[in-house]
Amino acid sequence: MVREKFIAACDAYAADPATSWPASLGVKSVRGTSGVLEMTWSFASPDGRATFELITVDEELRVRWRRVGDDEVFKNP
């Protein structure tokens, strides 16, 4: 479920960077960083956390996953 929503949101962002992320993904900028985003989701328990960047490779939008796990990912995003 998260995967499908995230892929669709990335496709929408690639088409129009002004597109908002779905609220259910909890995507927002990581404070104190430039270009690093965080995402929070829940499958009842445990909650999931990830940090990532959107980069361009050969003129295509790509996701560079930085950290995936629990709250610990925010200590060194």
Protein backbone atom coordinates (compact mmCIF):
# COMPACT_ATOMS: atom_id res chain seq x y z
CA MET A 1 0.00 0.00 0.00
CA VAL A 2 2.73 2.50 0.93
CA ARG A 3 4.76 1.46 -2.10
CA GLU A 4 1.90 2.09 -4.53
CA LYS A 5 1.08 5.47 -2.98
CA PHE A 6 4.73 6.51 -2.97
CA ILE A 7 5.30 5.52 -6.61
CA ALA A 8 2.17 7.40 -7.71
CA ALA A 9 3.24 10.45 -5.68
CA CYS A 10 6.72 10.40 -7.26
CA ASP A 11 5.17 10.17 -10.73
CA ALA A 12 2.93 13.14 -9.92
CA TYR A 13 5.93 15.10 -8.57
CA ALA A 14 7.94 14.34 -11.73
CA ALA A 15 5.10 15.73 -13.83
CA ASP A 16 4.64 18.79 -11.59
CA PRO A 17 7.00 19.53 -8.65
CA ALA A 18 4.31 21.77 -7.11
CA THR A 19 2.15 18.69 -6.49
CA SER A 20 1.52 17.97 -2.81
CA TRP A 21 2.53 14.65 -1.28
CA PRO A 22 -0.36 12.47 -0.02
CA ALA A 23 -0.99 13.20 3.66
CA SER A 24 -0.97 9.47 4.43
CA LEU A 25 2.75 9.30 3.53
CA GLY A 26 3.71 12.05 5.97
CA VAL A 27 6.37 13.49 3.64
CA LYS A 28 8.08 16.71 4.72
CA SER A 29 11.50 18.34 4.64
CA VAL A 30 14.01 17.30 7.29
CA ARG A 31 14.86 20.31 9.44
CA GLY A 32 18.46 21.47 9.25
CA THR A 33 19.16 19.79 5.90
CA SER A 34 18.90 20.79 2.28
CA GLY A 35 17.02 18.53 -0.11
CA VAL A 36 16.46 15.66 2.34
CA LEU A 37 12.87 14.56 2.89
CA GLU A 38 11.36 12.34 5.54
CA MET A 39 8.42 9.99 5.28
CA THR A 40 6.38 8.43 8.07
CA TRP A 41 3.82 5.66 7.73
CA SER A 42 2.08 3.19 9.99
CA PHE A 43 0.81 -0.33 9.61
CA ALA A 44 -0.75 -0.16 13.10
CA SER A 45 2.62 -1.01 14.67
CA PRO A 46 5.51 -0.59 14.32
CA ASP A 47 5.56 2.72 12.53
CA GLY A 48 7.92 3.14 9.59
CA ARG A 49 10.30 6.00 8.98
CA ALA A 50 12.56 6.86 6.05
CA THR A 51 14.70 9.69 4.78
CA PHE A 52 15.35 10.20 1.09
CA GLU A 53 16.36 12.64 -1.64
CA LEU A 54 14.89 13.21 -5.07
CA ILE A 55 17.69 13.36 -7.63
CA THR A 56 17.94 13.45 -11.42
CA VAL A 57 19.85 10.72 -13.27
CA ASP A 58 20.00 10.86 -17.06
CA GLU A 59 17.19 13.44 -16.96
CA GLU A 60 14.89 11.11 -14.97
CA LEU A 61 13.69 11.64 -11.43
CA ARG A 62 15.07 9.04 -9.01
CA VAL A 63 14.77 8.42 -5.29
CA ARG A 64 17.95 8.05 -3.26
CA TRP A 65 16.98 6.29 -0.04
CA ARG A 66 19.17 7.44 2.83
CA ARG A 67 17.81 5.57 5.85
CA VAL A 68 14.79 3.32 6.45
CA GLY A 69 13.68 2.00 9.83
CA ASP A 70 12.19 3.53 12.97
CA ASP A 71 12.72 6.84 14.82
CA GLU A 72 16.49 6.20 14.82
CA VAL A 73 16.68 7.26 11.14
CA PHE A 74 16.16 10.89 12.21
CA LYS A 75 19.33 10.95 14.34
CA ASN A 76 21.51 10.99 11.20
CA PRO A 77 19.17 11.55 8.24
